[in-house]
Amino acid sequence: ACESLSDGLGKSAAVLVQNPLKKYQRGSGAGPALAAAVRAVPAAAIAPASACASAVHYALLGFRNSLDPERKKESMEKYCPTQPWEED
């Protein structure tokens, strides 16, 4: 869950800071770099919210799996079939 959240925050930082900075360093000037940062605000706001939702999803999935191990086993068999090298 923490990894998911940190990925979302990292994406926001990259969109708000790194991309406009690259544009500025390439010689576009401060105006276009600032415009790129302003255009990136909606995406930067959505990334942490999406990451937070993903973190909550994984936390609830872990909680469900701890309460119902049989259902976890069924899910693992359904979505992660046994590989040929794992068979006994």
PDB file of N, CA and C in Angstrom:
ATOM      1  N   ALA A   1       0.832  -1.184   0.000  1.00  0.00           N
ATOM      2  CA  ALA A   1       0.000   0.000   0.000  1.00  0.00           C
ATOM      3  C   ALA A   1       0.877   1.248   0.000  1.00  0.00           C
ATOM      4  N   CYS A   2       1.943   1.239   0.781  1.00  0.00           N
ATOM      5  CA  CYS A   2       2.820   2.411   0.843  1.00  0.00           C
ATOM      6  C   CYS A   2       3.531   2.635  -0.481  1.00  0.00           C
ATOM      7  N   GLU A   3       3.895   1.557  -1.148  1.00  0.00           N
ATOM      8  CA  GLU A   3       4.576   1.675  -2.438  1.00  0.00           C
ATOM      9  C   GLU A   3       3.665   2.336  -3.459  1.00  0.00           C
ATOM     10  N   SER A   4       2.402   1.964  -3.452  1.00  0.00           N
ATOM     11  CA  SER A   4       1.439   2.542  -4.368  1.00  0.00           C
ATOM     12  C   SER A   4       1.283   4.039  -4.127  1.00  0.00           C
ATOM     13  N   LEU A   5       1.221   4.419  -2.865  1.00  0.00           N
ATOM     14  CA  LEU A   5       1.063   5.821  -2.513  1.00  0.00           C
ATOM     15  C   LEU A   5       2.301   6.629  -2.900  1.00  0.00           C
ATOM     16  N   SER A   6       3.479   6.086  -2.659  1.00  0.00           N
ATOM     17  CA  SER A   6       4.703   6.811  -3.008  1.00  0.00           C
ATOM     18  C   SER A   6       4.858   6.941  -4.521  1.00  0.00           C
ATOM     19  N   ASP A   7       4.388   5.947  -5.274  1.00  0.00           N
ATOM     20  CA  ASP A   7       4.424   6.058  -6.733  1.00  0.00           C
ATOM     21  C   ASP A   7       3.551   7.210  -7.211  1.00  0.00           C
ATOM     22  N   GLY A   8       2.373   7.357  -6.619  1.00  0.00           N
ATOM     23  CA  GLY A   8       1.482   8.449  -6.998  1.00  0.00           C
ATOM     24  C   GLY A   8       2.074   9.805  -6.683  1.00  0.00           C
ATOM     25  N   LEU A   9       2.707   9.927  -5.532  1.00  0.00           N
ATOM     26  CA  LEU A   9       3.337  11.199  -5.174  1.00  0.00           C
ATOM     27  C   LEU A   9       4.540  11.490  -6.073  1.00  0.00           C
ATOM     28  N   GLY A  10       5.269  10.452  -6.432  1.00  0.00           N
ATOM     29  CA  GLY A  10       6.404  10.619  -7.341  1.00  0.00           C
ATOM     30  C   GLY A  10       5.970  11.080  -8.718  1.00  0.00           C
ATOM     31  N   LYS A  11       4.849  10.533  -9.199  1.00  0.00           N
ATOM     32  CA  LYS A  11       4.327  10.951 -10.497  1.00  0.00           C
ATOM     33  C   LYS A  11       3.904  12.417 -10.454  1.00  0.00           C
ATOM     34  N   SER A  12       3.289  12.814  -9.356  1.00  0.00           N
ATOM     35  CA  SER A  12       2.873  14.211  -9.218  1.00  0.00           C
ATOM     36  C   SER A  12       4.074  15.143  -9.232  1.00  0.00           C
ATOM     37  N   ALA A  13       5.101  14.777  -8.505  1.00  0.00           N
ATOM     38  CA  ALA A  13       6.309  15.607  -8.462  1.00  0.00           C
ATOM     39  C   ALA A  13       6.954  15.703  -9.836  1.00  0.00           C
ATOM     40  N   ALA A  14       6.987  14.598 -10.546  1.00  0.00           N
ATOM     41  CA  ALA A  14       7.590  14.606 -11.878  1.00  0.00           C
ATOM     42  C   ALA A  14       6.802  15.500 -12.821  1.00  0.00           C
ATOM     43  N   VAL A  15       5.485  15.433 -12.755  1.00  0.00           N
ATOM     44  CA  VAL A  15       4.657  16.221 -13.654  1.00  0.00           C
ATOM     45  C   VAL A  15       4.753  17.707 -13.327  1.00  0.00           C
ATOM     46  N   LEU A  16       4.771  18.048 -12.044  1.00  0.00           N
ATOM     47  CA  LEU A  16       4.769  19.460 -11.647  1.00  0.00           C
ATOM     48  C   LEU A  16       6.147  20.119 -11.696  1.00  0.00           C
ATOM     49  N   VAL A  17       7.192  19.365 -11.425  1.00  0.00           N
ATOM     50  CA  VAL A  17       8.516  19.976 -11.312  1.00  0.00           C
ATOM     51  C   VAL A  17       9.452  19.544 -12.431  1.00  0.00           C
ATOM     52  N   GLN A  18       9.602  18.261 -12.607  1.00  0.00           N
ATOM     53  CA  GLN A  18      10.622  17.750 -13.523  1.00  0.00           C
ATOM     54  C   GLN A  18      10.334  18.137 -14.978  1.00  0.00           C
ATOM     55  N   ASN A  19       9.113  17.938 -15.446  1.00  0.00           N
ATOM     56  CA  ASN A  19       8.812  18.231 -16.848  1.00  0.00           C
ATOM     57  C   ASN A  19       8.954  19.720 -17.185  1.00  0.00           C
ATOM     58  N   PRO A  20       8.391  20.642 -16.381  1.00  0.00           N
ATOM     59  CA  PRO A  20       8.615  22.065 -16.683  1.00  0.00           C
ATOM     60  C   PRO A  20      10.091  22.475 -16.579  1.00  0.00           C
ATOM     61  N   LEU A  21      10.818  21.876 -15.639  1.00  0.00           N
ATOM     62  CA  LEU A  21      12.239  22.190 -15.496  1.00  0.00           C
ATOM     63  C   LEU A  21      13.013  21.770 -16.747  1.00  0.00           C
ATOM     64  N   LYS A  22      12.698  20.599 -17.273  1.00  0.00           N
ATOM     65  CA  LYS A  22      13.348  20.150 -18.514  1.00  0.00           C
ATOM     66  C   LYS A  22      13.044  21.107 -19.657  1.00  0.00           C
ATOM     67  N   LYS A  23      11.796  21.547 -19.719  1.00  0.00           N
ATOM     68  CA  LYS A  23      11.404  22.473 -20.778  1.00  0.00           C
ATOM     69  C   LYS A  23      12.189  23.781 -20.656  1.00  0.00           C
ATOM     70  N   TYR A  24      12.346  24.258 -19.434  1.00  0.00           N
ATOM     71  CA  TYR A  24      13.100  25.497 -19.194  1.00  0.00           C
ATOM     72  C   TYR A  24      14.568  25.322 -19.556  1.00  0.00           C
ATOM     73  N   GLN A  25      15.141  24.183 -19.177  1.00  0.00           N
ATOM     74  CA  GLN A  25      16.560  23.938 -19.446  1.00  0.00           C
ATOM     75  C   GLN A  25      16.838  23.768 -20.938  1.00  0.00           C
ATOM     76  N   ARG A  26      15.855  23.356 -21.688  1.00  0.00           N
ATOM     77  CA  ARG A  26      16.040  23.202 -23.139  1.00  0.00           C
ATOM     78  C   ARG A  26      15.969  24.533 -23.870  1.00  0.00           C
ATOM     79  N   GLY A  27      15.742  25.618 -23.117  1.00  0.00           N
ATOM     80  CA  GLY A  27      15.783  26.941 -23.726  1.00  0.00           C
ATOM     81  C   GLY A  27      14.434  27.510 -24.106  1.00  0.00           C
ATOM     82  N   SER A  28      13.364  26.914 -23.654  1.00  0.00           N
ATOM     83  CA  SER A  28      12.038  27.415 -24.005  1.00  0.00           C
ATOM     84  C   SER A  28      11.695  28.699 -23.274  1.00  0.00           C
ATOM     85  N   GLY A  29      12.330  28.945 -22.145  1.00  0.00           N
ATOM     86  CA  GLY A  29      12.048  30.141 -21.372  1.00  0.00           C
ATOM     87  C   GLY A  29      11.125  29.850 -20.207  1.00  0.00           C
ATOM     88  N   ALA A  30      10.945  30.862 -19.363  1.00  0.00           N
ATOM     89  CA  ALA A  30      10.149  30.688 -18.147  1.00  0.00           C
ATOM     90  C   ALA A  30       8.654  30.612 -18.444  1.00  0.00           C
ATOM     91  N   GLY A  31       8.197  31.360 -19.424  1.00  0.00           N
ATOM     92  CA  GLY A  31       6.763  31.376 -19.760  1.00  0.00           C
ATOM     93  C   GLY A  31       6.229  30.000 -20.160  1.00  0.00           C
ATOM     94  N   PRO A  32       6.833  29.372 -21.162  1.00  0.00           N
ATOM     95  CA  PRO A  32       6.368  28.041 -21.549  1.00  0.00           C
ATOM     96  C   PRO A  32       6.541  26.989 -20.441  1.00  0.00           C
ATOM     97  N   ALA A  33       7.583  27.126 -19.647  1.00  0.00           N
ATOM     98  CA  ALA A  33       7.780  26.183 -18.538  1.00  0.00           C
ATOM     99  C   ALA A  33       6.673  26.343 -17.503  1.00  0.00           C
ATOM    100  N   LEU A  34       6.325  27.590 -17.195  1.00  0.00           N
ATOM    101  CA  LEU A  34       5.238  27.847 -16.255  1.00  0.00           C
ATOM    102  C   LEU A  34       3.900  27.359 -16.819  1.00  0.00           C
ATOM    103  N   ALA A  35       3.681  27.572 -18.106  1.00  0.00           N
ATOM    104  CA  ALA A  35       2.459  27.094 -18.746  1.00  0.00           C
ATOM    105  C   ALA A  35       2.377  25.566 -18.678  1.00  0.00           C
ATOM    106  N   ALA A  36       3.495  24.885 -18.854  1.00  0.00           N
ATOM    107  CA  ALA A  36       3.512  23.420 -18.759  1.00  0.00           C
ATOM    108  C   ALA A  36       3.169  22.970 -17.348  1.00  0.00           C
ATOM    109  N   ALA A  37       3.669  23.693 -16.349  1.00  0.00           N
ATOM    110  CA  ALA A  37       3.356  23.350 -14.959  1.00  0.00           C
ATOM    111  C   ALA A  37       1.877  23.565 -14.662  1.00  0.00           C
ATOM    112  N   VAL A  38       1.307  24.655 -15.160  1.00  0.00           N
ATOM    113  CA  VAL A  38      -0.115  24.940 -14.930  1.00  0.00           C
ATOM    114  C   VAL A  38      -0.988  23.906 -15.625  1.00  0.00           C
ATOM    115  N   ARG A  39      -0.623  23.508 -16.834  1.00  0.00           N
ATOM    116  CA  ARG A  39      -1.388  22.474 -17.548  1.00  0.00           C
ATOM    117  C   ARG A  39      -1.304  21.121 -16.852  1.00  0.00           C
ATOM    118  N   ALA A  40      -0.254  20.906 -16.096  1.00  0.00           N
ATOM    119  CA  ALA A  40      -0.044  19.613 -15.429  1.00  0.00           C
ATOM    120  C   ALA A  40      -0.763  19.503 -14.091  1.00  0.00           C
ATOM    121  N   VAL A  41      -1.318  20.588 -13.575  1.00  0.00           N
ATOM    122  CA  VAL A  41      -1.950  20.565 -12.254  1.00  0.00           C
ATOM    123  C   VAL A  41      -3.081  19.539 -12.150  1.00  0.00           C
ATOM    124  N   PRO A  42      -4.018  19.455 -13.112  1.00  0.00           N
ATOM    125  CA  PRO A  42      -5.085  18.446 -12.965  1.00  0.00           C
ATOM    126  C   PRO A  42      -4.547  17.008 -12.875  1.00  0.00           C
ATOM    127  N   ALA A  43      -3.584  16.683 -13.701  1.00  0.00           N
ATOM    128  CA  ALA A  43      -3.006  15.335 -13.660  1.00  0.00           C
ATOM    129  C   ALA A  43      -2.259  15.110 -12.351  1.00  0.00           C
ATOM    130  N   ALA A  44      -1.602  16.147 -11.864  1.00  0.00           N
ATOM    131  CA  ALA A  44      -0.861  16.029 -10.607  1.00  0.00           C
ATOM    132  C   ALA A  44      -1.798  15.875  -9.424  1.00  0.00           C
ATOM    133  N   ALA A  45      -2.996  16.402  -9.518  1.00  0.00           N
ATOM    134  CA  ALA A  45      -3.969  16.255  -8.442  1.00  0.00           C
ATOM    135  C   ALA A  45      -4.605  14.875  -8.458  1.00  0.00           C
ATOM    136  N   ILE A  46      -4.762  14.309  -9.626  1.00  0.00           N
ATOM    137  CA  ILE A  46      -5.419  13.004  -9.750  1.00  0.00           C
ATOM    138  C   ILE A  46      -4.492  11.858  -9.360  1.00  0.00           C
ATOM    139  N   ALA A  47      -3.215  11.957  -9.642  1.00  0.00           N
ATOM    140  CA  ALA A  47      -2.278  10.857  -9.374  1.00  0.00           C
ATOM    141  C   ALA A  47      -2.250  10.446  -7.907  1.00  0.00           C
ATOM    142  N   PRO A  48      -2.146  11.363  -6.938  1.00  0.00           N
ATOM    143  CA  PRO A  48      -2.161  10.923  -5.536  1.00  0.00           C
ATOM    144  C   PRO A  48      -3.511  10.346  -5.112  1.00  0.00           C
ATOM    145  N   ALA A  49      -4.595  10.889  -5.642  1.00  0.00           N
ATOM    146  CA  ALA A  49      -5.915  10.357  -5.303  1.00  0.00           C
ATOM    147  C   ALA A  49      -6.064   8.928  -5.819  1.00  0.00           C
ATOM    148  N   SER A  50      -5.591   8.698  -7.021  1.00  0.00           N
ATOM    149  CA  SER A  50      -5.628   7.353  -7.588  1.00  0.00           C
ATOM    150  C   SER A  50      -4.736   6.403  -6.798  1.00  0.00           C
ATOM    151  N   ALA A  51      -3.565   6.874  -6.414  1.00  0.00           N
ATOM    152  CA  ALA A  51      -2.651   6.043  -5.628  1.00  0.00           C
ATOM    153  C   ALA A  51      -3.240   5.736  -4.258  1.00  0.00           C
ATOM    154  N   CYS A  52      -3.926   6.699  -3.670  1.00  0.00           N
ATOM    155  CA  CYS A  52      -4.561   6.482  -2.370  1.00  0.00           C
ATOM    156  C   CYS A  52      -5.657   5.435  -2.485  1.00  0.00           C
ATOM    157  N   ALA A  53      -6.457   5.510  -3.549  1.00  0.00           N
ATOM    158  CA  ALA A  53      -7.504   4.514  -3.764  1.00  0.00           C
ATOM    159  C   ALA A  53      -6.903   3.125  -3.946  1.00  0.00           C
ATOM    160  N   SER A  54      -5.801   3.057  -4.664  1.00  0.00           N
ATOM    161  CA  SER A  54      -5.126   1.776  -4.857  1.00  0.00           C
ATOM    162  C   SER A  54      -4.577   1.236  -3.538  1.00  0.00           C
ATOM    163  N   ALA A  55      -4.033   2.104  -2.715  1.00  0.00           N
ATOM    164  CA  ALA A  55      -3.506   1.687  -1.413  1.00  0.00           C
ATOM    165  C   ALA A  55      -4.618   1.161  -0.520  1.00  0.00           C
ATOM    166  N   VAL A  56      -5.769   1.835  -0.526  1.00  0.00           N
ATOM    167  CA  VAL A  56      -6.918   1.372   0.257  1.00  0.00           C
ATOM    168  C   VAL A  56      -7.391   0.019  -0.261  1.00  0.00           C
ATOM    169  N   HIS A  57      -7.395  -0.146  -1.580  1.00  0.00           N
ATOM    170  CA  HIS A  57      -7.798  -1.420  -2.178  1.00  0.00           C
ATOM    171  C   HIS A  57      -6.912  -2.564  -1.686  1.00  0.00           C
ATOM    172  N   TYR A  58      -5.605  -2.356  -1.726  1.00  0.00           N
ATOM    173  CA  TYR A  58      -4.684  -3.409  -1.290  1.00  0.00           C
ATOM    174  C   TYR A  58      -4.794  -3.679   0.212  1.00  0.00           C
ATOM    175  N   ALA A  59      -5.037  -2.634   0.987  1.00  0.00           N
ATOM    176  CA  ALA A  59      -5.193  -2.823   2.432  1.00  0.00           C
ATOM    177  C   ALA A  59      -6.452  -3.633   2.734  1.00  0.00           C
ATOM    178  N   LEU A  60      -7.543  -3.316   2.051  1.00  0.00           N
ATOM    179  CA  LEU A  60      -8.784  -4.066   2.265  1.00  0.00           C
ATOM    180  C   LEU A  60      -8.664  -5.498   1.759  1.00  0.00           C
ATOM    181  N   LEU A  61      -7.954  -5.678   0.670  1.00  0.00           N
ATOM    182  CA  LEU A  61      -7.732  -7.035   0.157  1.00  0.00           C
ATOM    183  C   LEU A  61      -6.937  -7.864   1.157  1.00  0.00           C
ATOM    184  N   GLY A  62      -5.919  -7.263   1.747  1.00  0.00           N
ATOM    185  CA  GLY A  62      -5.143  -7.965   2.767  1.00  0.00           C
ATOM    186  C   GLY A  62      -5.975  -8.288   3.990  1.00  0.00           C
ATOM    187  N   PHE A  63      -6.841  -7.361   4.374  1.00  0.00           N
ATOM    188  CA  PHE A  63      -7.734  -7.588   5.514  1.00  0.00           C
ATOM    189  C   PHE A  63      -8.694  -8.738   5.216  1.00  0.00           C
ATOM    190  N   ARG A  64      -9.269  -8.748   4.004  1.00  0.00           N
ATOM    191  CA  ARG A  64     -10.168  -9.827   3.619  1.00  0.00           C
ATOM    192  C   ARG A  64      -9.441 -11.168   3.604  1.00  0.00           C
ATOM    193  N   ASN A  65      -8.231 -11.179   3.064  1.00  0.00           N
ATOM    194  CA  ASN A  65      -7.469 -12.417   2.991  1.00  0.00           C
ATOM    195  C   ASN A  65      -7.124 -12.944   4.382  1.00  0.00           C
ATOM    196  N   SER A  66      -6.888 -12.046   5.327  1.00  0.00           N
ATOM    197  CA  SER A  66      -6.573 -12.505   6.678  1.00  0.00           C
ATOM    198  C   SER A  66      -7.810 -13.056   7.386  1.00  0.00           C
ATOM    199  N   LEU A  67      -8.976 -12.523   7.042  1.00  0.00           N
ATOM    200  CA  LEU A  67     -10.216 -13.012   7.658  1.00  0.00           C
ATOM    201  C   LEU A  67     -10.720 -14.303   7.020  1.00  0.00           C
ATOM    202  N   ASP A  68     -10.475 -14.470   5.732  1.00  0.00           N
ATOM    203  CA  ASP A  68     -11.002 -15.623   5.003  1.00  0.00           C
ATOM    204  C   ASP A  68      -9.903 -16.264   4.158  1.00  0.00           C
ATOM    205  N   PRO A  69      -9.026 -17.064   4.778  1.00  0.00           N
ATOM    206  CA  PRO A  69      -7.910 -17.664   4.032  1.00  0.00           C
ATOM    207  C   PRO A  69      -8.363 -18.608   2.912  1.00  0.00           C
ATOM    208  N   GLU A  70      -9.524 -19.210   3.083  1.00  0.00           N
ATOM    209  CA  GLU A  70     -10.023 -20.123   2.047  1.00  0.00           C
ATOM    210  C   GLU A  70     -10.345 -19.356   0.759  1.00  0.00           C
ATOM    211  N   ARG A  71     -10.924 -18.182   0.908  1.00  0.00           N
ATOM    212  CA  ARG A  71     -11.228 -17.365  -0.266  1.00  0.00           C
ATOM    213  C   ARG A  71      -9.940 -16.898  -0.942  1.00  0.00           C
ATOM    214  N   LYS A  72      -8.921 -16.602  -0.146  1.00  0.00           N
ATOM    215  CA  LYS A  72      -7.626 -16.224  -0.710  1.00  0.00           C
ATOM    216  C   LYS A  72      -7.065 -17.372  -1.538  1.00  0.00           C
ATOM    217  N   LYS A  73      -7.175 -18.574  -1.000  1.00  0.00           N
ATOM    218  CA  LYS A  73      -6.668 -19.753  -1.710  1.00  0.00           C
ATOM    219  C   LYS A  73      -7.417 -19.937  -3.029  1.00  0.00           C
ATOM    220  N   GLU A  74      -8.744 -19.766  -2.998  1.00  0.00           N
ATOM    221  CA  GLU A  74      -9.536 -19.892  -4.222  1.00  0.00           C
ATOM    222  C   GLU A  74      -9.139 -18.838  -5.247  1.00  0.00           C
ATOM    223  N   SER A  75      -8.919 -17.609  -4.791  1.00  0.00           N
ATOM    224  CA  SER A  75      -8.501 -16.536  -5.706  1.00  0.00           C
ATOM    225  C   SER A  75      -7.140 -16.833  -6.306  1.00  0.00           C
ATOM    226  N   MET A  76      -6.217 -17.318  -5.487  1.00  0.00           N
ATOM    227  CA  MET A  76      -4.886 -17.644  -5.989  1.00  0.00           C
ATOM    228  C   MET A  76      -4.955 -18.753  -7.035  1.00  0.00           C
ATOM    229  N   GLU A  77      -5.799 -19.754  -6.799  1.00  0.00           N
ATOM    230  CA  GLU A  77      -5.932 -20.848  -7.771  1.00  0.00           C
ATOM    231  C   GLU A  77      -6.581 -20.361  -9.059  1.00  0.00           C
ATOM    232  N   LYS A  78      -7.513 -19.420  -8.940  1.00  0.00           N
ATOM    233  CA  LYS A  78      -8.226 -18.916 -10.112  1.00  0.00           C
ATOM    234  C   LYS A  78      -7.340 -17.998 -10.960  1.00  0.00           C
ATOM    235  N   TYR A  79      -6.658 -17.053 -10.303  1.00  0.00           N
ATOM    236  CA  TYR A  79      -5.916 -16.040 -11.041  1.00  0.00           C
ATOM    237  C   TYR A  79      -4.429 -16.340 -11.195  1.00  0.00           C
ATOM    238  N   CYS A  80      -3.902 -17.248 -10.411  1.00  0.00           N
ATOM    239  CA  CYS A  80      -2.488 -17.621 -10.500  1.00  0.00           C
ATOM    240  C   CYS A  80      -2.391 -19.138 -10.614  1.00  0.00           C
ATOM    241  N   PRO A  81      -2.706 -19.672 -11.785  1.00  0.00           N
ATOM    242  CA  PRO A  81      -2.664 -21.138 -11.911  1.00  0.00           C
ATOM    243  C   PRO A  81      -1.260 -21.680 -11.686  1.00  0.00           C
ATOM    244  N   THR A  82      -1.186 -22.916 -11.275  1.00  0.00           N
ATOM    245  CA  THR A  82       0.090 -23.563 -11.007  1.00  0.00           C
ATOM    246  C   THR A  82       0.898 -23.656 -12.297  1.00  0.00           C
ATOM    247  N   GLN A  83       2.140 -23.296 -12.207  1.00  0.00           N
ATOM    248  CA  GLN A  83       3.025 -23.373 -13.358  1.00  0.00           C
ATOM    249  C   GLN A  83       3.548 -24.808 -13.493  1.00  0.00           C
ATOM    250  N   PRO A  84       3.903 -25.239 -14.707  1.00  0.00           N
ATOM    251  CA  PRO A  84       4.381 -26.610 -14.901  1.00  0.00           C
ATOM    252  C   PRO A  84       5.576 -26.960 -14.024  1.00  0.00           C
ATOM    253  N   TRP A  85       6.453 -26.011 -13.764  1.00  0.00           N
ATOM    254  CA  TRP A  85       7.642 -26.296 -12.953  1.00  0.00           C
ATOM    255  C   TRP A  85       7.321 -26.353 -11.466  1.00  0.00           C
ATOM    256  N   GLU A  86       6.102 -25.945 -11.050  1.00  0.00           N
ATOM    257  CA  GLU A  86       5.727 -25.977  -9.656  1.00  0.00           C
ATOM    258  C   GLU A  86       4.956 -27.246  -9.270  1.00  0.00           C
ATOM    259  N   GLU A  87       4.572 -28.044 -10.262  1.00  0.00           N
ATOM    260  CA  GLU A  87       3.793 -29.253  -9.977  1.00  0.00           C
ATOM    261  C   GLU A  87       4.657 -30.294  -9.302  1.00  0.00           C
ATOM    262  N   ASP A  88       4.043 -31.071  -8.396  1.00  0.00           N
ATOM    263  CA  ASP A  88       4.757 -32.127  -7.686  1.00  0.00           C
ATOM    264  C   ASP A  88       4.711 -33.420  -8.435  1.00  0.00           C
TER     265      ASP A  88
END
